[in-house]
Amino acid sequence: MDKFDEILDKFFKTGEIFFRTGGTVSEGKFVRAELSKMQVEMQDMKDELGLDDGYKFISTTTPNHRWGFTFQLLYPAFIGAEIQHKRVNYPEDINVENAVLVTTPSFLEAMRKYGDLPKVNPKVIMAAGAKLEDKTFEFAKSISDRVIEIYGSSESGSIAWREDYKSGRMKLFRGMKVLENTEDYTKIHSDYSSCNPVILEDRIKVYDSGEIEFLERRGRVLKVQEKRIMSSDVEEEINKLEFVSESYCLEYDRKLAALCVLTDEGKKFLLENDKLTLVKKLKSQLVDKFEIIPQRWKFFDEIPRKETGKFDKERIKELFSMNLSLPMILSRNVSGDEAVFRITFLKNSNFFKGHFEGMPILPGVVQLFYANWFIKLAFGIDCSLGQIRRVKFSNIIQPNVVVNLELKKTSKGVSYKYYNDEKTFSTGILPLESFL
């Protein structure tokens, strides 16, 4: 009996299971789910979604949360479908015929952004965890026959679903009833839950037809300088700017902060000028739209998300708490035990100051720091402890020079190499110490 069978067997024997919630606006907690009520949920989904036992279910998620448990294990078991237990970590792992891919918007967005296509297109894609943006939804439809977006929560179970990305409207599952809907919360009754009524920490629009539209997490309402700020409104305006493709706003150090993903034109502008000039330009286009605009700005190649597809607030905050200036990531390619990041260290970065006057060069200690930092980003490994081996500095790295950082993981360590088409700058091996 494998671990998945053990999980299901225990659930069927005890009749209950506990899921840990993420805690959108409060601390996370454990939520109890009953077998009898989840069986009702499975039957309703079987009737409404129309998926039969001819599919093979593959997944990028884990059964540790309700979304993964429901669609990776319980639902396919309920309809008698085959469960592929090997987890999908990369697009090339999608190689099963007649498959239902259970995944998250962040995984699909990464596929779209980097042009990583599956070896075998799935028949159906099911996604949940965060809102599936239109361009990602459209991409998913280009590689599958059906795309089903599920909206739900750990407390309530599956609430609604949609296959049409153009309207944004979602159909409530028949076990769901909206009891009250306000600007600050939505109260529902769920036939799939034992903790009724369920208060959703989301802003939702309810249509006369009974359909709903998810607007935003209530936890995204910020209070800065005694002012109430709807973060999604600020993000919407930032995303309209010429140089920004995506943004995320948060309160950091009692200031409104913005993490932005730049367009190619935005990256070009940043390279030709500097961060201060770019920030001034962005702020000047927002100053007449809001009483408070972001005062802290960071630029990254993606908005960090959790495995479930929700924004990873802790990782985002870590980016703002870093003392060193961030390099600009022009591209990344992570596959198995190898990764290549195409990066550049901007001329106004703080580690160039005083090193050296008239001819700034990237300090060796900064190269080592970022080799380990990108190892964490690619593999989730901390190589900061232990003895660094075979370090060699061959050429200097100057500001705004585009370099590749190549990482290769083995059982003994992770080798790194900074290089470009013309030369190798430095190499070394960082020790494997611990998995984060």
Protein backbone atom coordinates (compact mmCIF):
# COMPACT_ATOMS: atom_id res chain seq x y z
CA MET A 1 0.00 0.00 0.00
CA ASP A 2 1.52 3.35 -1.05
CA LYS A 3 1.16 6.62 0.84
CA PHE A 4 -1.84 7.79 -1.21
CA ASP A 5 -3.71 4.56 -0.53
CA GLU A 6 -2.83 4.90 3.15
CA ILE A 7 -4.27 8.43 3.27
CA LEU A 8 -7.52 7.36 1.63
CA ASP A 9 -7.76 4.17 3.72
CA LYS A 10 -7.37 6.13 6.96
CA PHE A 11 -9.98 8.66 5.82
CA PHE A 12 -12.49 5.95 4.97
CA LYS A 13 -11.90 4.20 8.32
CA THR A 14 -12.05 7.26 10.58
CA GLY A 15 -14.60 9.23 8.54
CA GLU A 16 -12.73 12.49 9.04
CA ILE A 17 -9.63 14.38 8.00
CA PHE A 18 -8.07 17.70 9.09
CA PHE A 19 -6.73 20.35 6.74
CA ARG A 20 -4.51 23.28 7.67
CA THR A 21 -5.79 26.59 6.27
CA GLY A 22 -3.47 29.33 5.05
CA GLY A 23 -5.05 32.08 7.17
CA THR A 24 -5.75 34.85 4.65
CA VAL A 25 -6.53 37.55 7.21
CA SER A 26 -5.85 35.63 10.41
CA GLU A 27 -3.65 32.87 11.73
CA GLY A 28 -4.02 29.52 10.02
CA LYS A 29 -6.02 26.79 11.73
CA PHE A 30 -7.03 23.17 11.34
CA VAL A 31 -10.39 22.48 9.73
CA ARG A 32 -12.23 19.16 10.09
CA ALA A 33 -13.83 17.57 7.03
CA GLU A 34 -16.26 14.65 7.25
CA LEU A 35 -16.35 11.71 4.86
CA SER A 36 -20.16 11.77 4.60
CA LYS A 37 -20.24 15.40 3.55
CA MET A 38 -17.33 15.08 1.15
CA GLN A 39 -19.13 12.16 -0.51
CA VAL A 40 -22.03 14.52 -1.22
CA GLU A 41 -19.53 16.98 -2.65
CA MET A 42 -17.99 14.30 -4.88
CA GLN A 43 -21.40 13.25 -6.22
CA ASP A 44 -22.37 16.84 -7.01
CA MET A 45 -19.09 17.43 -8.83
CA LYS A 46 -19.42 14.19 -10.75
CA ASP A 47 -22.90 15.21 -11.92
CA GLU A 48 -21.97 18.78 -12.79
CA LEU A 49 -18.45 18.46 -14.21
CA GLY A 50 -19.16 15.34 -16.22
CA LEU A 51 -15.73 13.71 -15.85
CA ASP A 52 -15.88 9.93 -16.18
CA ASP A 53 -13.65 7.02 -15.22
CA GLY A 54 -11.77 6.99 -18.51
CA TYR A 55 -9.28 9.64 -17.42
CA LYS A 56 -5.93 9.35 -15.67
CA PHE A 57 -5.36 11.97 -12.97
CA ILE A 58 -1.93 13.58 -12.68
CA SER A 59 -1.07 16.44 -10.36
CA THR A 60 1.42 19.19 -9.56
CA THR A 61 -0.05 19.51 -6.05
CA THR A 62 0.14 17.45 -2.86
CA PRO A 63 -2.74 15.99 -0.78
CA ASN A 64 -1.73 18.12 2.22
CA HIS A 65 -4.47 20.68 1.59
CA ARG A 66 -8.13 20.28 0.67
CA TRP A 67 -7.72 21.18 -3.00
CA GLY A 68 -4.97 18.61 -3.54
CA PHE A 69 -6.65 15.92 -1.45
CA THR A 70 -10.00 16.38 -3.19
CA PHE A 71 -8.88 16.38 -6.81
CA GLN A 72 -5.65 14.42 -6.63
CA LEU A 73 -7.08 11.56 -4.58
CA LEU A 74 -10.72 11.58 -3.47
CA TYR A 75 -12.52 12.70 -6.65
CA PRO A 76 -10.71 10.32 -9.05
CA ALA A 77 -11.19 7.49 -6.52
CA PHE A 78 -14.90 8.34 -6.31
CA ILE A 79 -15.45 8.20 -10.08
CA GLY A 80 -13.17 5.18 -10.49
CA ALA A 81 -10.47 6.97 -12.49
CA GLU A 82 -6.80 6.00 -12.47
CA ILE A 83 -4.51 8.01 -10.17
CA GLN A 84 -0.93 8.58 -11.34
CA HIS A 85 0.98 8.86 -8.07
CA LYS A 86 4.21 10.35 -9.42
CA ARG A 87 4.06 14.08 -8.91
CA VAL A 88 4.39 16.45 -11.87
CA ASN A 89 7.27 18.82 -11.08
CA TYR A 90 8.00 20.16 -14.56
CA PRO A 91 6.00 20.53 -17.80
CA GLU A 92 8.01 17.70 -19.37
CA ASP A 93 6.58 15.39 -16.68
CA ILE A 94 3.14 15.81 -18.32
CA ASN A 95 3.49 12.78 -20.59
CA VAL A 96 0.36 10.69 -19.93
CA GLU A 97 -2.32 10.10 -22.53
CA ASN A 98 -5.94 11.00 -21.69
CA ALA A 99 -4.91 12.87 -18.54
CA VAL A 100 -6.63 15.28 -16.18
CA LEU A 101 -3.98 17.68 -14.92
CA VAL A 102 -4.70 18.94 -11.39
CA THR A 103 -2.64 22.07 -10.91
CA THR A 104 -2.45 25.70 -9.83
CA PRO A 105 -2.57 29.02 -11.70
CA SER A 106 1.08 29.68 -10.81
CA PHE A 107 2.25 26.46 -12.49
CA LEU A 108 0.26 27.28 -15.63
CA GLU A 109 1.50 30.87 -15.60
CA ALA A 110 5.12 29.68 -15.47
CA MET A 111 4.46 27.38 -18.44
CA ARG A 112 2.93 30.26 -20.38
CA LYS A 113 5.63 32.74 -19.45
CA TYR A 114 8.59 30.52 -20.32
CA GLY A 115 7.00 28.67 -23.24
CA ASP A 116 7.35 25.26 -21.56
CA LEU A 117 4.91 22.88 -23.23
CA PRO A 118 3.96 19.37 -22.10
CA LYS A 119 5.18 16.30 -23.96
CA VAL A 120 1.57 15.13 -24.16
CA ASN A 121 -1.26 17.64 -23.92
CA PRO A 122 -3.70 16.85 -21.09
CA LYS A 123 -7.34 16.32 -22.01
CA VAL A 124 -8.55 18.39 -19.06
CA ILE A 125 -6.87 20.96 -16.83
CA MET A 126 -8.34 21.62 -13.38
CA ALA A 127 -6.94 24.62 -11.50
CA ALA A 128 -7.57 26.22 -8.10
CA GLY A 129 -5.81 28.09 -5.33
CA ALA A 130 -5.89 31.59 -6.84
CA LYS A 131 -7.72 33.40 -9.60
CA LEU A 132 -6.83 32.13 -13.07
CA GLU A 133 -5.98 35.23 -15.08
CA ASP A 134 -7.45 35.52 -18.59
CA LYS A 135 -4.14 35.15 -20.47
CA THR A 136 -3.24 32.07 -18.41
CA PHE A 137 -6.73 30.62 -18.88
CA GLU A 138 -6.43 31.17 -22.63
CA PHE A 139 -3.02 29.48 -22.67
CA ALA A 140 -4.40 26.48 -20.76
CA LYS A 141 -7.21 26.14 -23.31
CA SER A 142 -4.63 26.07 -26.11
CA ILE A 143 -3.05 22.88 -24.72
CA SER A 144 -6.17 21.01 -23.53
CA ASP A 145 -9.75 20.23 -24.53
CA ARG A 146 -11.26 21.58 -21.30
CA VAL A 147 -10.13 23.98 -18.58
CA ILE A 148 -12.07 23.92 -15.32
CA GLU A 149 -11.36 26.52 -12.66
CA ILE A 150 -12.56 25.65 -9.15
CA TYR A 151 -13.18 28.20 -6.41
CA GLY A 152 -13.40 26.92 -2.85
CA SER A 153 -11.99 26.99 0.66
CA SER A 154 -10.79 24.57 3.32
CA GLU A 155 -13.84 25.36 5.44
CA SER A 156 -16.53 25.10 2.77
CA GLY A 157 -15.20 22.69 0.16
CA SER A 158 -15.75 23.36 -3.55
CA ILE A 159 -17.93 26.45 -3.99
CA ALA A 160 -18.14 27.23 -7.70
CA TRP A 161 -16.60 26.51 -11.08
CA ARG A 162 -16.27 27.91 -14.59
CA GLU A 163 -15.01 26.98 -18.04
CA ASP A 164 -15.59 30.36 -19.71
CA TYR A 165 -12.83 32.83 -18.84
CA LYS A 166 -14.32 35.76 -20.78
CA SER A 167 -17.19 36.58 -18.41
CA GLY A 168 -15.51 35.79 -15.12
CA ARG A 169 -18.75 34.32 -13.79
CA MET A 170 -18.72 31.03 -11.92
CA LYS A 171 -21.54 28.55 -11.35
CA LEU A 172 -22.26 27.56 -7.76
CA PHE A 173 -22.21 23.85 -7.00
CA ARG A 174 -25.70 22.74 -6.00
CA GLY A 175 -24.64 22.18 -2.38
CA MET A 176 -23.85 25.89 -2.00
CA LYS A 177 -26.13 28.78 -1.03
CA VAL A 178 -25.16 32.43 -0.54
CA LEU A 179 -26.78 33.69 2.69
CA GLU A 180 -25.34 37.20 2.88
CA ASN A 181 -22.98 39.22 0.72
CA THR A 182 -21.34 42.50 1.81
CA GLU A 183 -18.32 44.59 0.86
CA ASP A 184 -16.32 42.96 3.66
CA TYR A 185 -17.42 39.32 3.66
CA THR A 186 -19.69 36.68 2.16
CA LYS A 187 -21.67 34.21 4.29
CA ILE A 188 -22.60 30.90 2.70
CA HIS A 189 -24.16 27.59 3.62
CA SER A 190 -22.30 24.52 2.39
CA ASP A 191 -23.72 21.00 2.25
CA TYR A 192 -20.09 19.87 2.15
CA SER A 193 -19.11 21.39 5.51
CA SER A 194 -19.86 20.75 9.17
CA CYS A 195 -18.98 24.29 10.29
CA ASN A 196 -21.91 26.25 8.83
CA PRO A 197 -22.40 29.04 8.16
CA VAL A 198 -19.05 29.60 6.45
CA ILE A 199 -17.66 33.15 6.34
CA LEU A 200 -15.56 33.67 3.23
CA GLU A 201 -12.71 36.15 3.61
CA ASP A 202 -13.26 37.30 0.04
CA ARG A 203 -15.06 39.99 -1.88
CA ILE A 204 -17.60 38.34 -4.20
CA LYS A 205 -20.14 39.67 -6.66
CA VAL A 206 -23.46 37.78 -6.77
CA TYR A 207 -25.52 37.97 -9.96
CA ASP A 208 -29.31 37.66 -10.25
CA SER A 209 -28.74 34.40 -12.13
CA GLY A 210 -27.20 32.92 -8.98
CA GLU A 211 -23.72 32.95 -10.49
CA ILE A 212 -20.87 34.59 -8.63
CA GLU A 213 -17.63 36.35 -9.50
CA PHE A 214 -14.57 36.27 -7.28
CA LEU A 215 -13.16 39.80 -6.89
CA GLU A 216 -10.34 39.65 -4.35
CA ARG A 217 -9.18 38.38 -0.99
CA ARG A 218 -10.42 40.56 1.86
CA GLY A 219 -6.95 40.36 3.36
CA ARG A 220 -5.71 42.48 0.46
CA VAL A 221 -7.32 45.58 2.00
CA LEU A 222 -4.39 47.48 3.53
CA LYS A 223 -4.24 50.24 6.10
CA VAL A 224 -1.31 52.60 5.60
CA GLN A 225 -0.92 55.95 7.35
CA GLU A 226 -4.46 55.50 8.72
CA LYS A 227 -5.77 55.26 5.15
CA ARG A 228 -7.73 52.26 3.84
CA ILE A 229 -6.17 51.09 0.57
CA MET A 230 -7.65 48.53 -1.79
CA SER A 231 -4.47 46.87 -2.96
CA SER A 232 -6.09 45.40 -6.08
CA ASP A 233 -7.06 48.91 -7.25
CA VAL A 234 -3.46 50.11 -6.99
CA GLU A 235 -2.18 46.97 -8.70
CA GLU A 236 -4.66 47.38 -11.52
CA GLU A 237 -3.35 50.89 -12.25
CA ILE A 238 0.30 49.82 -11.93
CA ASN A 239 -0.30 46.97 -14.37
CA LYS A 240 -1.60 49.45 -16.93
CA LEU A 241 1.73 51.29 -16.95
CA GLU A 242 3.95 50.85 -19.99
CA PHE A 243 6.81 49.14 -18.18
CA VAL A 244 4.92 46.76 -15.85
CA SER A 245 3.27 43.42 -16.64
CA GLU A 246 2.30 42.36 -13.10
CA SER A 247 2.49 43.78 -9.58
CA TYR A 248 1.72 43.00 -5.96
CA CYS A 249 1.20 45.63 -3.25
CA LEU A 250 1.68 45.16 0.46
CA GLU A 251 2.26 47.11 3.63
CA TYR A 252 5.94 46.94 4.57
CA ASP A 253 7.63 48.90 7.32
CA ARG A 254 4.49 51.08 7.62
CA LYS A 255 4.74 52.08 3.97
CA LEU A 256 2.93 50.96 0.83
CA ALA A 257 5.29 48.76 -1.16
CA ALA A 258 5.07 47.37 -4.69
CA LEU A 259 6.77 44.32 -6.17
CA CYS A 260 6.72 44.56 -9.97
CA VAL A 261 7.44 42.31 -12.92
CA LEU A 262 8.78 44.44 -15.76
CA THR A 263 8.00 44.11 -19.45
CA ASP A 264 10.90 43.83 -21.90
CA GLU A 265 10.63 47.58 -22.45
CA GLY A 266 10.73 48.13 -18.71
CA LYS A 267 13.88 46.02 -18.37
CA LYS A 268 15.47 47.94 -21.22
CA PHE A 269 14.62 51.28 -19.58
CA LEU A 270 16.05 50.08 -16.25
CA LEU A 271 19.30 48.96 -17.88
CA GLU A 272 19.69 52.21 -19.80
CA ASN A 273 18.93 54.36 -16.76
CA ASP A 274 18.74 53.20 -13.15
CA LYS A 275 16.24 52.08 -10.52
CA LEU A 276 15.71 55.59 -9.10
CA THR A 277 14.81 56.99 -12.53
CA LEU A 278 12.40 54.13 -13.20
CA VAL A 279 10.70 54.49 -9.82
CA LYS A 280 10.27 58.25 -10.33
CA LYS A 281 8.70 57.62 -13.72
CA LEU A 282 6.27 55.03 -12.34
CA LYS A 283 5.30 57.16 -9.34
CA SER A 284 4.68 60.21 -11.53
CA GLN A 285 2.01 58.25 -13.43
CA LEU A 286 0.22 57.24 -10.21
CA VAL A 287 0.38 60.39 -8.12
CA ASP A 288 -2.90 61.82 -9.43
CA LYS A 289 -4.80 58.54 -9.07
CA PHE A 290 -4.38 57.72 -5.35
CA GLU A 291 -3.95 59.56 -2.09
CA ILE A 292 -1.16 57.15 -1.18
CA ILE A 293 1.11 55.55 -3.78
CA PRO A 294 3.89 52.98 -3.23
CA GLN A 295 7.02 54.36 -1.61
CA ARG A 296 9.02 51.12 -1.63
CA TRP A 297 9.64 49.38 -4.96
CA LYS A 298 11.28 46.08 -5.89
CA PHE A 299 11.60 44.51 -9.33
CA PHE A 300 11.62 40.74 -9.83
CA ASP A 301 10.94 38.36 -12.72
CA GLU A 302 7.80 36.90 -11.10
CA ILE A 303 5.49 37.37 -8.14
CA PRO A 304 6.34 34.51 -5.71
CA ARG A 305 3.49 32.11 -5.09
CA LYS A 306 2.94 29.10 -2.90
CA GLU A 307 2.42 25.60 -4.19
CA THR A 308 -1.34 26.20 -3.97
CA GLY A 309 -1.04 29.18 -6.30
CA LYS A 310 -1.69 31.80 -3.62
CA PHE A 311 0.72 34.70 -3.17
CA ASP A 312 3.67 33.77 -0.95
CA LYS A 313 3.64 36.79 1.37
CA GLU A 314 6.65 35.63 3.37
CA ARG A 315 8.86 35.29 0.31
CA ILE A 316 7.65 38.65 -0.97
CA LYS A 317 8.50 40.27 2.36
CA GLU A 318 11.94 38.62 2.27
CA LEU A 319 12.66 40.40 -1.02
CA PHE A 320 11.95 43.74 0.65
CA SER A 321 13.98 42.86 3.75
CA MET A 322 17.18 42.09 1.80
CA ASN A 323 20.05 44.48 2.50
CA LEU A 324 21.73 43.85 -0.85
CA SER A 325 20.32 45.21 -4.09
CA LEU A 326 18.56 42.59 -6.21
CA PRO A 327 20.08 41.66 -9.55
CA MET A 328 17.77 41.89 -12.54
CA ILE A 329 16.66 38.44 -13.68
CA LEU A 330 16.26 38.45 -17.43
CA SER A 331 15.31 34.77 -17.70
CA ARG A 332 15.38 31.54 -15.72
CA ASN A 333 15.38 27.88 -16.73
CA VAL A 334 15.12 25.30 -13.95
CA SER A 335 14.87 21.63 -14.87
CA GLY A 336 15.62 18.78 -12.48
CA ASP A 337 19.10 19.20 -10.99
CA GLU A 338 20.18 22.00 -13.30
CA ALA A 339 19.31 25.67 -13.60
CA VAL A 340 20.48 28.67 -15.60
CA PHE A 341 19.63 32.26 -14.65
CA ARG A 342 20.40 35.10 -17.04
CA ILE A 343 21.04 38.11 -14.83
CA THR A 344 22.69 41.50 -14.60
CA PHE A 345 23.88 43.49 -11.59
CA LEU A 346 22.62 47.05 -12.02
CA LYS A 347 25.04 49.95 -11.87
CA ASN A 348 23.37 51.67 -8.90
CA SER A 349 23.41 48.53 -6.71
CA ASN A 350 24.63 49.22 -3.18
CA PHE A 351 27.44 46.62 -3.28
CA PHE A 352 29.23 48.59 -6.01
CA LYS A 353 29.67 51.62 -3.76
CA GLY A 354 33.34 51.98 -2.79
CA HIS A 355 34.33 48.88 -4.78
CA PHE A 356 36.01 50.63 -6.50
CA GLU A 357 35.83 54.35 -7.22
CA GLY A 358 36.09 55.01 -10.95
CA MET A 359 35.88 51.30 -11.82
CA PRO A 360 33.12 49.45 -9.95
CA ILE A 361 33.38 45.66 -9.95
CA LEU A 362 31.22 42.98 -8.35
CA PRO A 363 32.83 41.79 -5.08
CA GLY A 364 33.60 38.08 -4.84
CA VAL A 365 31.65 37.77 -1.60
CA VAL A 366 28.54 39.07 -3.40
CA GLN A 367 29.02 36.51 -6.16
CA LEU A 368 29.11 33.75 -3.54
CA PHE A 369 26.08 35.16 -1.75
CA TYR A 370 24.01 35.26 -4.92
CA ALA A 371 25.20 31.83 -6.04
CA ASN A 372 23.69 30.46 -2.82
CA TRP A 373 20.64 32.74 -3.09
CA PHE A 374 19.82 31.44 -6.57
CA ILE A 375 20.44 27.85 -5.40
CA LYS A 376 17.73 28.41 -2.80
CA LEU A 377 15.48 29.87 -5.47
CA ALA A 378 16.01 26.97 -7.87
CA PHE A 379 16.30 23.94 -5.58
CA GLY A 380 15.17 25.02 -2.09
CA ILE A 381 18.61 24.19 -0.66
CA ASP A 382 20.71 26.28 1.74
CA CYS A 383 24.41 25.99 0.94
CA SER A 384 25.57 28.80 3.24
CA LEU A 385 27.18 26.43 5.77
CA GLY A 386 30.23 24.29 5.21
CA GLN A 387 33.41 24.77 3.22
CA ILE A 388 33.19 26.21 -0.27
CA ARG A 389 35.43 24.29 -2.68
CA ARG A 390 37.31 25.02 -5.88
CA VAL A 391 36.49 28.72 -5.94
CA LYS A 392 38.14 30.50 -8.83
CA PHE A 393 37.72 34.13 -9.91
CA SER A 394 38.84 34.41 -13.53
CA ASN A 395 37.49 37.77 -14.70
CA ILE A 396 35.79 40.79 -13.17
CA ILE A 397 32.04 41.44 -13.45
CA GLN A 398 31.16 45.08 -14.05
CA PRO A 399 27.76 46.81 -13.68
CA ASN A 400 25.06 46.09 -16.27
CA VAL A 401 27.01 43.24 -17.86
CA VAL A 402 24.64 40.39 -18.71
CA VAL A 403 25.90 37.09 -17.32
CA ASN A 404 24.60 33.55 -17.02
CA LEU A 405 24.63 31.80 -13.65
CA GLU A 406 24.71 28.04 -14.22
CA LEU A 407 23.89 25.72 -11.30
CA LYS A 408 24.32 21.94 -11.24
CA LYS A 409 23.30 19.84 -8.26
CA THR A 410 25.03 16.56 -7.35
CA SER A 411 25.08 14.38 -4.24
CA LYS A 412 28.15 16.25 -2.98
CA GLY A 413 27.24 19.85 -3.69
CA VAL A 414 26.06 22.44 -6.18
CA SER A 415 28.53 23.79 -8.71
CA TYR A 416 28.08 27.33 -9.97
CA LYS A 417 29.52 29.22 -12.91
CA TYR A 418 29.15 32.88 -13.86
CA TYR A 419 29.81 33.27 -17.59
CA ASN A 420 28.70 34.82 -20.88
CA ASP A 421 29.52 34.25 -24.54
CA GLU A 422 32.90 35.90 -24.14
CA LYS A 423 34.36 34.61 -20.89
CA THR A 424 33.96 32.76 -17.61
CA PHE A 425 33.95 35.07 -14.59
CA SER A 426 34.00 32.71 -11.62
CA THR A 427 33.30 29.11 -10.63
CA GLY A 428 33.02 27.07 -7.45
CA ILE A 429 31.20 24.33 -5.56
CA LEU A 430 28.90 25.05 -2.63
CA PRO A 431 28.32 22.26 -0.10
CA LEU A 432 24.96 20.58 0.43
CA GLU A 433 24.02 21.27 4.03
CA SER A 434 20.29 21.15 4.53
CA PHE A 435 16.99 21.25 2.72
CA LEU A 436 14.81 24.22 3.67
